[in-house]
Amino acid sequence: MGDEEIAINVNSIENTEQIIGQLMDNYSDDVLHLVFSYVKNRTTAEDLTQEIFIKCYEKLGQFNNKSSIKTWLYRIAINHCKDYLRSWHYRKIKFSDKIWDYIPSKSKHVEEEIISKNIANSLTSAVMDLPVKYREVVFLHYYEELSLANISKITGINSNTLKTRLKHARELLKNKMKKEV
C-alpha cells in the first residue's frame, strides 16, 4: 500500500469505474479502519465502507483536485460515519446493546480478563471508548500518521481546535490507563 496519488481524469464512465477500482485497491483497508474507529463493529464498518465507495462513485465528478484524492475520500468517509452515528438505526442498536449489558455472560468476563492482560489492547480499547471528537483526531493523527494540517483539511476543523482535542484525548487516555494498571 503506497501513498502514491491516483490520477483523476473524470470524462467517461469507464474512467470513473477504473478510478473507483484504484481507490478501493489503494485505500479500502484504510477506510475500513477509519470507519471501524467510529462505529466499533466490524460488520457495520464493512457495510459502511461499501456505502462510502458507492458514494465516491456517485460524487467522483465533483472532485476538483483542490485536495488529494485520499483527503477527499476520508472527508466523505468521516461525514458518512457521522451521519450514521446520528441515525435512528444506530441509536436503536445502541439501546439494544445496553439491554444486553444487564444480562450476565461468563464468556464476556473471560474475554475481558484476556484483553486486560494486553496493554496494546487496553490502549486500543481506551481509544475506542473516547468520545467521537477525540477518537477521530487520535485515530487520524496516531494510527493514520496524518499531520494536524491534513486532519484539518479532512475534517474542516481548525488546527488549534484539533490540538486542543488531541491534548484532552491524551489526558483522558493517560487517566484511563493509570486506572487499569
N, C-alpha and C. Protein backbone atom coordinates (compact mmCIF):
# COMPACT_ATOMS: atom_id res chain seq x y z
N MET A 1 0.85 -1.18 0.00
CA MET A 1 0.00 0.00 0.00
C MET A 1 0.88 1.23 0.00
N GLY A 2 0.85 1.99 -1.08
CA GLY A 2 1.64 3.21 -1.15
C GLY A 2 0.77 4.42 -1.03
N ASP A 3 1.43 5.56 -0.87
CA ASP A 3 0.67 6.80 -0.79
C ASP A 3 0.73 7.55 -2.11
N GLU A 4 1.05 6.82 -3.18
CA GLU A 4 1.11 7.48 -4.48
C GLU A 4 -0.30 7.95 -4.85
N GLU A 5 -0.33 9.15 -5.44
CA GLU A 5 -1.63 9.71 -5.79
C GLU A 5 -2.18 9.08 -7.06
N ILE A 6 -3.48 8.95 -7.12
CA ILE A 6 -4.16 8.39 -8.28
C ILE A 6 -4.50 9.55 -9.20
N ALA A 7 -4.18 9.41 -10.47
CA ALA A 7 -4.50 10.46 -11.44
C ALA A 7 -6.02 10.47 -11.67
N ILE A 8 -6.60 11.66 -11.57
CA ILE A 8 -8.05 11.78 -11.73
C ILE A 8 -8.35 12.51 -13.02
N ASN A 9 -9.06 11.84 -13.90
CA ASN A 9 -9.50 12.44 -15.15
C ASN A 9 -10.89 11.87 -15.43
N VAL A 10 -11.89 12.55 -14.91
CA VAL A 10 -13.26 12.03 -15.00
C VAL A 10 -13.93 12.60 -16.24
N ASN A 11 -13.87 11.83 -17.33
CA ASN A 11 -14.56 12.27 -18.54
C ASN A 11 -15.32 11.14 -19.21
N SER A 12 -15.34 9.98 -18.55
CA SER A 12 -16.13 8.88 -19.09
C SER A 12 -16.46 7.89 -17.98
N ILE A 13 -17.51 7.11 -18.20
CA ILE A 13 -17.92 6.11 -17.22
C ILE A 13 -16.80 5.11 -16.98
N GLU A 14 -16.12 4.67 -18.04
CA GLU A 14 -15.04 3.69 -17.89
C GLU A 14 -13.96 4.24 -16.96
N ASN A 15 -13.62 5.51 -17.15
CA ASN A 15 -12.63 6.15 -16.30
C ASN A 15 -13.07 6.14 -14.84
N THR A 16 -14.34 6.47 -14.61
CA THR A 16 -14.87 6.51 -13.25
C THR A 16 -14.75 5.15 -12.59
N GLU A 17 -15.14 4.10 -13.31
CA GLU A 17 -15.05 2.75 -12.76
C GLU A 17 -13.61 2.35 -12.48
N GLN A 18 -12.71 2.73 -13.38
CA GLN A 18 -11.29 2.42 -13.20
C GLN A 18 -10.74 3.16 -11.97
N ILE A 19 -11.11 4.42 -11.82
CA ILE A 19 -10.64 5.23 -10.69
C ILE A 19 -11.16 4.66 -9.37
N ILE A 20 -12.45 4.31 -9.32
CA ILE A 20 -13.02 3.74 -8.10
C ILE A 20 -12.33 2.42 -7.78
N GLY A 21 -12.04 1.63 -8.81
CA GLY A 21 -11.30 0.37 -8.61
C GLY A 21 -9.94 0.63 -7.98
N GLN A 22 -9.24 1.64 -8.48
CA GLN A 22 -7.92 2.00 -7.94
C GLN A 22 -8.05 2.50 -6.49
N LEU A 23 -9.07 3.34 -6.25
CA LEU A 23 -9.29 3.85 -4.89
C LEU A 23 -9.54 2.69 -3.92
N MET A 24 -10.36 1.73 -4.34
CA MET A 24 -10.65 0.59 -3.49
C MET A 24 -9.39 -0.25 -3.24
N ASP A 25 -8.60 -0.47 -4.31
CA ASP A 25 -7.36 -1.24 -4.16
C ASP A 25 -6.41 -0.55 -3.18
N ASN A 26 -6.27 0.78 -3.33
CA ASN A 26 -5.28 1.53 -2.54
C ASN A 26 -5.74 1.85 -1.12
N TYR A 27 -7.05 2.14 -0.95
CA TYR A 27 -7.49 2.73 0.31
C TYR A 27 -8.59 1.98 1.05
N SER A 28 -9.05 0.84 0.54
CA SER A 28 -10.20 0.19 1.21
C SER A 28 -9.87 -0.22 2.65
N ASP A 29 -8.66 -0.72 2.89
CA ASP A 29 -8.28 -1.10 4.26
C ASP A 29 -8.20 0.13 5.17
N ASP A 30 -7.62 1.21 4.65
CA ASP A 30 -7.52 2.45 5.43
C ASP A 30 -8.90 2.97 5.79
N VAL A 31 -9.81 2.98 4.81
CA VAL A 31 -11.17 3.47 5.05
C VAL A 31 -11.88 2.56 6.05
N LEU A 32 -11.70 1.24 5.91
CA LEU A 32 -12.33 0.30 6.83
C LEU A 32 -11.86 0.56 8.26
N HIS A 33 -10.56 0.76 8.46
CA HIS A 33 -10.04 1.05 9.80
C HIS A 33 -10.58 2.37 10.33
N LEU A 34 -10.65 3.36 9.46
CA LEU A 34 -11.19 4.67 9.85
C LEU A 34 -12.65 4.52 10.29
N VAL A 35 -13.44 3.84 9.48
CA VAL A 35 -14.87 3.65 9.78
C VAL A 35 -15.03 2.85 11.08
N PHE A 36 -14.22 1.81 11.25
CA PHE A 36 -14.30 1.00 12.47
C PHE A 36 -14.03 1.86 13.71
N SER A 37 -13.13 2.84 13.57
CA SER A 37 -12.82 3.70 14.72
C SER A 37 -14.03 4.52 15.14
N TYR A 38 -14.99 4.69 14.24
CA TYR A 38 -16.23 5.40 14.58
C TYR A 38 -17.30 4.46 15.12
N VAL A 39 -17.52 3.34 14.42
CA VAL A 39 -18.68 2.51 14.73
C VAL A 39 -18.39 1.33 15.66
N LYS A 40 -17.12 0.95 15.81
CA LYS A 40 -16.70 -0.10 16.73
C LYS A 40 -17.36 -1.45 16.47
N ASN A 41 -17.70 -1.72 15.23
CA ASN A 41 -18.31 -3.01 14.88
C ASN A 41 -17.85 -3.38 13.48
N ARG A 42 -17.21 -4.54 13.36
CA ARG A 42 -16.59 -4.94 12.08
C ARG A 42 -17.61 -5.04 10.94
N THR A 43 -18.73 -5.71 11.17
CA THR A 43 -19.73 -5.90 10.12
C THR A 43 -20.30 -4.57 9.67
N THR A 44 -20.64 -3.72 10.62
CA THR A 44 -21.17 -2.40 10.30
C THR A 44 -20.12 -1.59 9.54
N ALA A 45 -18.88 -1.68 9.97
CA ALA A 45 -17.79 -0.94 9.31
C ALA A 45 -17.64 -1.40 7.86
N GLU A 46 -17.76 -2.70 7.63
CA GLU A 46 -17.65 -3.23 6.26
C GLU A 46 -18.81 -2.71 5.40
N ASP A 47 -20.03 -2.73 5.96
CA ASP A 47 -21.19 -2.23 5.22
C ASP A 47 -21.03 -0.75 4.89
N LEU A 48 -20.62 0.03 5.87
CA LEU A 48 -20.47 1.47 5.66
C LEU A 48 -19.35 1.77 4.66
N THR A 49 -18.30 0.97 4.69
CA THR A 49 -17.19 1.16 3.75
C THR A 49 -17.68 0.95 2.32
N GLN A 50 -18.52 -0.07 2.11
CA GLN A 50 -19.10 -0.28 0.78
C GLN A 50 -19.94 0.93 0.37
N GLU A 51 -20.77 1.42 1.30
CA GLU A 51 -21.60 2.59 1.01
C GLU A 51 -20.75 3.81 0.66
N ILE A 52 -19.63 3.96 1.35
CA ILE A 52 -18.74 5.10 1.12
C ILE A 52 -18.16 5.05 -0.30
N PHE A 53 -17.75 3.86 -0.74
CA PHE A 53 -17.20 3.76 -2.10
C PHE A 53 -18.29 3.97 -3.15
N ILE A 54 -19.52 3.57 -2.84
CA ILE A 54 -20.64 3.85 -3.76
C ILE A 54 -20.85 5.36 -3.84
N LYS A 55 -20.80 6.02 -2.68
CA LYS A 55 -20.96 7.48 -2.63
C LYS A 55 -19.84 8.16 -3.43
N CYS A 56 -18.62 7.65 -3.29
CA CYS A 56 -17.48 8.21 -4.04
C CYS A 56 -17.70 8.05 -5.54
N TYR A 57 -18.21 6.89 -5.93
CA TYR A 57 -18.51 6.63 -7.35
C TYR A 57 -19.50 7.68 -7.86
N GLU A 58 -20.54 7.92 -7.05
CA GLU A 58 -21.58 8.88 -7.46
C GLU A 58 -21.07 10.32 -7.48
N LYS A 59 -20.12 10.65 -6.60
CA LYS A 59 -19.66 12.03 -6.45
C LYS A 59 -18.32 12.32 -7.13
N LEU A 60 -17.76 11.32 -7.81
CA LEU A 60 -16.42 11.50 -8.37
C LEU A 60 -16.33 12.70 -9.31
N GLY A 61 -17.41 12.98 -10.00
CA GLY A 61 -17.44 14.15 -10.89
C GLY A 61 -17.28 15.47 -10.15
N GLN A 62 -17.55 15.46 -8.83
CA GLN A 62 -17.42 16.68 -8.03
C GLN A 62 -16.01 16.88 -7.49
N PHE A 63 -15.14 15.86 -7.66
CA PHE A 63 -13.77 16.00 -7.17
C PHE A 63 -13.07 17.06 -8.01
N ASN A 64 -12.46 18.04 -7.33
CA ASN A 64 -11.91 19.19 -8.06
C ASN A 64 -10.40 19.36 -7.93
N ASN A 65 -9.71 18.35 -7.44
CA ASN A 65 -8.25 18.39 -7.30
C ASN A 65 -7.73 19.48 -6.36
N LYS A 66 -8.62 20.08 -5.54
CA LYS A 66 -8.16 21.08 -4.58
C LYS A 66 -7.45 20.40 -3.41
N SER A 67 -7.79 19.14 -3.16
CA SER A 67 -7.11 18.37 -2.12
C SER A 67 -6.68 17.06 -2.76
N SER A 68 -5.95 16.26 -1.99
CA SER A 68 -5.57 14.95 -2.53
C SER A 68 -6.81 14.06 -2.58
N ILE A 69 -6.76 13.05 -3.41
CA ILE A 69 -7.90 12.13 -3.53
C ILE A 69 -8.13 11.40 -2.19
N LYS A 70 -7.05 11.11 -1.45
CA LYS A 70 -7.20 10.43 -0.16
C LYS A 70 -7.92 11.35 0.84
N THR A 71 -7.55 12.63 0.85
CA THR A 71 -8.21 13.60 1.73
C THR A 71 -9.70 13.68 1.39
N TRP A 72 -10.01 13.75 0.11
CA TRP A 72 -11.40 13.82 -0.36
C TRP A 72 -12.16 12.57 0.07
N LEU A 73 -11.54 11.40 -0.10
CA LEU A 73 -12.15 10.12 0.27
C LEU A 73 -12.39 10.06 1.78
N TYR A 74 -11.42 10.48 2.58
CA TYR A 74 -11.56 10.48 4.04
C TYR A 74 -12.66 11.43 4.48
N ARG A 75 -12.78 12.58 3.83
CA ARG A 75 -13.82 13.54 4.19
C ARG A 75 -15.21 12.91 3.97
N ILE A 76 -15.38 12.23 2.84
CA ILE A 76 -16.65 11.54 2.55
C ILE A 76 -16.89 10.45 3.60
N ALA A 77 -15.84 9.69 3.93
CA ALA A 77 -15.98 8.60 4.91
C ALA A 77 -16.37 9.14 6.28
N ILE A 78 -15.70 10.18 6.73
CA ILE A 78 -15.99 10.75 8.05
C ILE A 78 -17.41 11.30 8.10
N ASN A 79 -17.81 12.03 7.07
CA ASN A 79 -19.18 12.56 7.04
C ASN A 79 -20.21 11.44 7.03
N HIS A 80 -19.92 10.37 6.31
CA HIS A 80 -20.85 9.24 6.25
C HIS A 80 -20.96 8.58 7.63
N CYS A 81 -19.83 8.44 8.31
CA CYS A 81 -19.83 7.85 9.67
C CYS A 81 -20.64 8.72 10.63
N LYS A 82 -20.42 10.02 10.56
CA LYS A 82 -21.14 10.93 11.46
C LYS A 82 -22.64 10.89 11.18
N ASP A 83 -23.02 10.81 9.92
CA ASP A 83 -24.44 10.68 9.58
C ASP A 83 -25.00 9.38 10.16
N TYR A 84 -24.23 8.31 10.04
CA TYR A 84 -24.67 7.02 10.58
C TYR A 84 -24.84 7.09 12.09
N LEU A 85 -23.88 7.71 12.78
CA LEU A 85 -23.95 7.80 14.25
C LEU A 85 -25.15 8.65 14.71
N ARG A 86 -25.62 9.55 13.85
CA ARG A 86 -26.80 10.36 14.19
C ARG A 86 -28.11 9.66 13.81
N SER A 87 -28.01 8.56 13.08
CA SER A 87 -29.21 7.93 12.52
C SER A 87 -30.02 7.20 13.58
N TRP A 88 -31.29 7.02 13.29
CA TRP A 88 -32.21 6.28 14.17
C TRP A 88 -31.74 4.84 14.31
N HIS A 89 -31.31 4.25 13.20
CA HIS A 89 -30.88 2.84 13.18
C HIS A 89 -29.76 2.61 14.20
N TYR A 90 -28.76 3.49 14.21
CA TYR A 90 -27.64 3.35 15.13
C TYR A 90 -28.10 3.49 16.58
N ARG A 91 -28.93 4.47 16.86
CA ARG A 91 -29.39 4.67 18.24
C ARG A 91 -30.20 3.47 18.72
N LYS A 92 -30.96 2.86 17.82
CA LYS A 92 -31.74 1.67 18.17
C LYS A 92 -30.79 0.52 18.53
N ILE A 93 -29.72 0.33 17.76
CA ILE A 93 -28.74 -0.73 18.04
C ILE A 93 -28.07 -0.47 19.39
N LYS A 94 -27.67 0.78 19.65
CA LYS A 94 -27.01 1.11 20.92
C LYS A 94 -27.93 0.79 22.09
N PHE A 95 -29.22 1.07 21.95
CA PHE A 95 -30.17 0.80 23.01
C PHE A 95 -30.24 -0.71 23.28
N SER A 96 -30.31 -1.51 22.22
CA SER A 96 -30.40 -2.96 22.43
C SER A 96 -29.09 -3.51 23.00
N ASP A 97 -27.94 -2.90 22.66
CA ASP A 97 -26.66 -3.30 23.26
C ASP A 97 -26.68 -3.05 24.76
N LYS A 98 -27.24 -1.93 25.17
CA LYS A 98 -27.30 -1.59 26.60
C LYS A 98 -28.15 -2.60 27.35
N ILE A 99 -29.22 -3.06 26.74
CA ILE A 99 -30.06 -4.08 27.38
C ILE A 99 -29.23 -5.34 27.62
N TRP A 100 -28.40 -5.74 26.62
CA TRP A 100 -27.58 -6.94 26.78
C TRP A 100 -26.55 -6.79 27.89
N ASP A 101 -26.14 -5.56 28.17
CA ASP A 101 -25.18 -5.33 29.26
C ASP A 101 -25.73 -5.77 30.62
N TYR A 102 -27.05 -5.79 30.75
CA TYR A 102 -27.66 -6.18 32.03
C TYR A 102 -27.82 -7.68 32.17
N ILE A 103 -27.55 -8.41 31.10
CA ILE A 103 -27.65 -9.87 31.14
C ILE A 103 -26.24 -10.42 31.32
N PRO A 104 -25.94 -11.05 32.46
CA PRO A 104 -24.58 -11.52 32.70
C PRO A 104 -24.16 -12.62 31.72
N SER A 105 -22.90 -12.59 31.36
CA SER A 105 -22.38 -13.60 30.45
C SER A 105 -20.98 -13.99 30.92
N LYS A 106 -20.77 -15.27 31.12
CA LYS A 106 -19.46 -15.74 31.58
C LYS A 106 -18.40 -15.49 30.51
N SER A 107 -18.76 -15.73 29.26
CA SER A 107 -17.76 -15.59 28.19
C SER A 107 -17.29 -14.14 28.10
N LYS A 108 -18.17 -13.20 28.39
CA LYS A 108 -17.79 -11.79 28.34
C LYS A 108 -16.73 -11.50 29.40
N HIS A 109 -16.88 -12.07 30.59
CA HIS A 109 -15.91 -11.84 31.66
C HIS A 109 -14.56 -12.47 31.31
N VAL A 110 -14.57 -13.65 30.73
CA VAL A 110 -13.33 -14.32 30.33
C VAL A 110 -12.61 -13.47 29.28
N GLU A 111 -13.38 -13.00 28.31
CA GLU A 111 -12.82 -12.18 27.24
C GLU A 111 -12.21 -10.90 27.82
N GLU A 112 -12.90 -10.27 28.75
CA GLU A 112 -12.40 -9.04 29.36
C GLU A 112 -11.10 -9.29 30.12
N GLU A 113 -10.99 -10.43 30.77
CA GLU A 113 -9.76 -10.77 31.50
C GLU A 113 -8.58 -10.92 30.55
N ILE A 114 -8.82 -11.56 29.43
CA ILE A 114 -7.76 -11.76 28.44
C ILE A 114 -7.31 -10.41 27.89
N ILE A 115 -8.26 -9.57 27.54
CA ILE A 115 -7.96 -8.25 26.97
C ILE A 115 -7.19 -7.40 27.97
N SER A 116 -7.60 -7.44 29.24
CA SER A 116 -6.96 -6.58 30.24
C SER A 116 -5.50 -6.94 30.46
N LYS A 117 -5.08 -8.15 30.08
CA LYS A 117 -3.68 -8.56 30.25
C LYS A 117 -2.78 -7.97 29.17
N ASN A 118 -3.38 -7.48 28.12
CA ASN A 118 -2.58 -6.99 26.99
C ASN A 118 -2.66 -5.46 26.94
N ILE A 119 -1.53 -4.79 27.18
CA ILE A 119 -1.51 -3.33 27.23
C ILE A 119 -1.95 -2.72 25.89
N ALA A 120 -1.48 -3.28 24.80
CA ALA A 120 -1.84 -2.73 23.49
C ALA A 120 -3.35 -2.77 23.29
N ASN A 121 -3.95 -3.90 23.66
CA ASN A 121 -5.40 -4.00 23.54
C ASN A 121 -6.09 -3.03 24.48
N SER A 122 -5.51 -2.83 25.66
CA SER A 122 -6.08 -1.88 26.62
C SER A 122 -6.08 -0.47 26.05
N LEU A 123 -4.97 -0.12 25.44
CA LEU A 123 -4.87 1.22 24.86
C LEU A 123 -5.86 1.37 23.72
N THR A 124 -5.92 0.37 22.85
CA THR A 124 -6.87 0.42 21.73
C THR A 124 -8.29 0.54 22.26
N SER A 125 -8.60 -0.23 23.27
CA SER A 125 -9.92 -0.19 23.89
C SER A 125 -10.20 1.20 24.48
N ALA A 126 -9.18 1.78 25.13
CA ALA A 126 -9.34 3.11 25.72
C ALA A 126 -9.59 4.15 24.63
N VAL A 127 -8.88 4.03 23.51
CA VAL A 127 -9.10 4.95 22.39
C VAL A 127 -10.52 4.80 21.86
N MET A 128 -10.97 3.55 21.72
CA MET A 128 -12.31 3.31 21.18
C MET A 128 -13.41 3.82 22.12
N ASP A 129 -13.08 3.95 23.41
CA ASP A 129 -14.06 4.45 24.38
C ASP A 129 -14.11 5.98 24.44
N LEU A 130 -13.18 6.64 23.79
CA LEU A 130 -13.19 8.12 23.79
C LEU A 130 -14.42 8.62 23.05
N PRO A 131 -14.92 9.81 23.40
CA PRO A 131 -15.98 10.43 22.60
C PRO A 131 -15.48 10.62 21.16
N VAL A 132 -16.40 10.59 20.20
CA VAL A 132 -16.04 10.62 18.77
C VAL A 132 -15.09 11.77 18.43
N LYS A 133 -15.33 12.97 18.97
CA LYS A 133 -14.50 14.12 18.57
C LYS A 133 -13.04 13.93 18.96
N TYR A 134 -12.78 13.18 20.04
CA TYR A 134 -11.41 12.89 20.45
C TYR A 134 -10.87 11.66 19.71
N ARG A 135 -11.71 10.64 19.58
CA ARG A 135 -11.31 9.40 18.90
C ARG A 135 -10.88 9.71 17.46
N GLU A 136 -11.62 10.59 16.81
CA GLU A 136 -11.35 10.97 15.42
C GLU A 136 -9.93 11.52 15.27
N VAL A 137 -9.57 12.50 16.09
CA VAL A 137 -8.26 13.14 15.96
C VAL A 137 -7.14 12.18 16.38
N VAL A 138 -7.36 11.36 17.41
CA VAL A 138 -6.35 10.39 17.84
C VAL A 138 -6.12 9.37 16.73
N PHE A 139 -7.20 8.85 16.16
CA PHE A 139 -7.06 7.85 15.10
C PHE A 139 -6.31 8.43 13.91
N LEU A 140 -6.73 9.59 13.43
CA LEU A 140 -6.12 10.17 12.23
C LEU A 140 -4.66 10.56 12.49
N HIS A 141 -4.36 11.06 13.70
CA HIS A 141 -3.00 11.52 13.99
C HIS A 141 -2.04 10.38 14.30
N TYR A 142 -2.44 9.45 15.17
CA TYR A 142 -1.52 8.40 15.60
C TYR A 142 -1.58 7.13 14.77
N TYR A 143 -2.77 6.74 14.35
CA TYR A 143 -2.89 5.50 13.59
C TYR A 143 -2.65 5.72 12.10
N GLU A 144 -3.19 6.84 11.58
CA GLU A 144 -3.01 7.15 10.16
C GLU A 144 -1.77 8.02 9.93
N GLU A 145 -1.18 8.53 11.03
CA GLU A 145 0.02 9.35 10.99
C GLU A 145 -0.14 10.59 10.11
N LEU A 146 -1.31 11.22 10.21
CA LEU A 146 -1.57 12.45 9.45
C LEU A 146 -1.20 13.66 10.31
N SER A 147 -0.74 14.71 9.65
CA SER A 147 -0.43 15.95 10.36
C SER A 147 -1.73 16.64 10.75
N LEU A 148 -1.65 17.54 11.72
CA LEU A 148 -2.84 18.29 12.12
C LEU A 148 -3.37 19.12 10.95
N ALA A 149 -2.47 19.62 10.10
CA ALA A 149 -2.90 20.39 8.92
C ALA A 149 -3.74 19.52 7.99
N ASN A 150 -3.30 18.27 7.76
CA ASN A 150 -4.08 17.36 6.91
C ASN A 150 -5.40 16.98 7.56
N ILE A 151 -5.37 16.75 8.87
CA ILE A 151 -6.61 16.40 9.58
C ILE A 151 -7.60 17.56 9.47
N SER A 152 -7.08 18.78 9.55
CA SER A 152 -7.92 19.97 9.42
C SER A 152 -8.58 20.00 8.04
N LYS A 153 -7.81 19.67 7.00
CA LYS A 153 -8.36 19.64 5.63
C LYS A 153 -9.45 18.58 5.51
N ILE A 154 -9.21 17.42 6.11
CA ILE A 154 -10.16 16.31 6.01
C ILE A 154 -11.45 16.61 6.77
N THR A 155 -11.31 17.13 7.99
CA THR A 155 -12.49 17.29 8.86
C THR A 155 -13.13 18.67 8.76
N GLY A 156 -12.37 19.65 8.26
CA GLY A 156 -12.88 21.02 8.23
C GLY A 156 -12.83 21.68 9.60
N ILE A 157 -12.06 21.10 10.53
CA ILE A 157 -11.95 21.64 11.89
C ILE A 157 -10.62 22.39 12.01
N ASN A 158 -10.65 23.55 12.61
CA ASN A 158 -9.49 24.40 12.80
C ASN A 158 -8.35 23.64 13.49
N SER A 159 -7.10 23.88 13.06
CA SER A 159 -5.93 23.19 13.62
C SER A 159 -5.78 23.39 15.12
N ASN A 160 -6.06 24.61 15.61
CA ASN A 160 -5.95 24.87 17.05
C ASN A 160 -6.96 24.05 17.84
N THR A 161 -8.17 23.92 17.30
CA THR A 161 -9.20 23.09 17.94
C THR A 161 -8.73 21.64 17.99
N LEU A 162 -8.12 21.19 16.89
CA LEU A 162 -7.61 19.81 16.83
C LEU A 162 -6.50 19.59 17.86
N LYS A 163 -5.60 20.58 18.00
CA LYS A 163 -4.52 20.48 19.00
C LYS A 163 -5.11 20.33 20.40
N THR A 164 -6.14 21.14 20.69
CA THR A 164 -6.79 21.09 22.00
C THR A 164 -7.44 19.73 22.21
N ARG A 165 -8.13 19.23 21.19
CA ARG A 165 -8.78 17.92 21.30
C ARG A 165 -7.76 16.81 21.51
N LEU A 166 -6.62 16.91 20.81
CA LEU A 166 -5.58 15.91 20.95
C LEU A 166 -5.02 15.93 22.37
N LYS A 167 -4.83 17.12 22.92
CA LYS A 167 -4.33 17.28 24.28
C LYS A 167 -5.32 16.66 25.29
N HIS A 168 -6.61 16.98 25.12
CA HIS A 168 -7.64 16.42 26.01
C HIS A 168 -7.70 14.89 25.88
N ALA A 169 -7.61 14.42 24.65
CA ALA A 169 -7.66 12.97 24.41
C ALA A 169 -6.50 12.27 25.11
N ARG A 170 -5.30 12.85 25.01
CA ARG A 170 -4.14 12.26 25.68
C ARG A 170 -4.34 12.22 27.19
N GLU A 171 -4.90 13.30 27.75
CA GLU A 171 -5.16 13.34 29.20
C GLU A 171 -6.17 12.26 29.60
N LEU A 172 -7.24 12.14 28.81
CA LEU A 172 -8.26 11.12 29.09
C LEU A 172 -7.65 9.72 29.03
N LEU A 173 -6.82 9.48 28.01
CA LEU A 173 -6.19 8.16 27.85
C LEU A 173 -5.22 7.88 28.99
N LYS A 174 -4.45 8.89 29.36
CA LYS A 174 -3.48 8.73 30.45
C LYS A 174 -4.20 8.35 31.74
N ASN A 175 -5.30 9.06 32.05
CA ASN A 175 -6.07 8.76 33.26
C ASN A 175 -6.69 7.37 33.21
N LYS A 176 -7.21 7.01 32.04
CA LYS A 176 -7.83 5.69 31.89
C LYS A 176 -6.80 4.57 32.04
N MET A 177 -5.62 4.76 31.44
CA MET A 177 -4.58 3.74 31.51
C MET A 177 -4.03 3.62 32.94
N LYS A 178 -3.94 4.73 33.67
CA LYS A 178 -3.48 4.70 35.06
C LYS A 178 -4.43 3.86 35.92
N LYS A 179 -5.73 4.02 35.68
CA LYS A 179 -6.74 3.28 36.45
C LYS A 179 -6.62 1.78 36.20
N GLU A 180 -6.23 1.40 34.97
CA GLU A 180 -6.17 -0.03 34.62
C GLU A 180 -4.92 -0.70 35.15
N VAL A 181 -3.88 0.06 35.45
CA VAL A 181 -2.60 -0.53 35.89
C VAL A 181 -2.68 -0.89 37.37
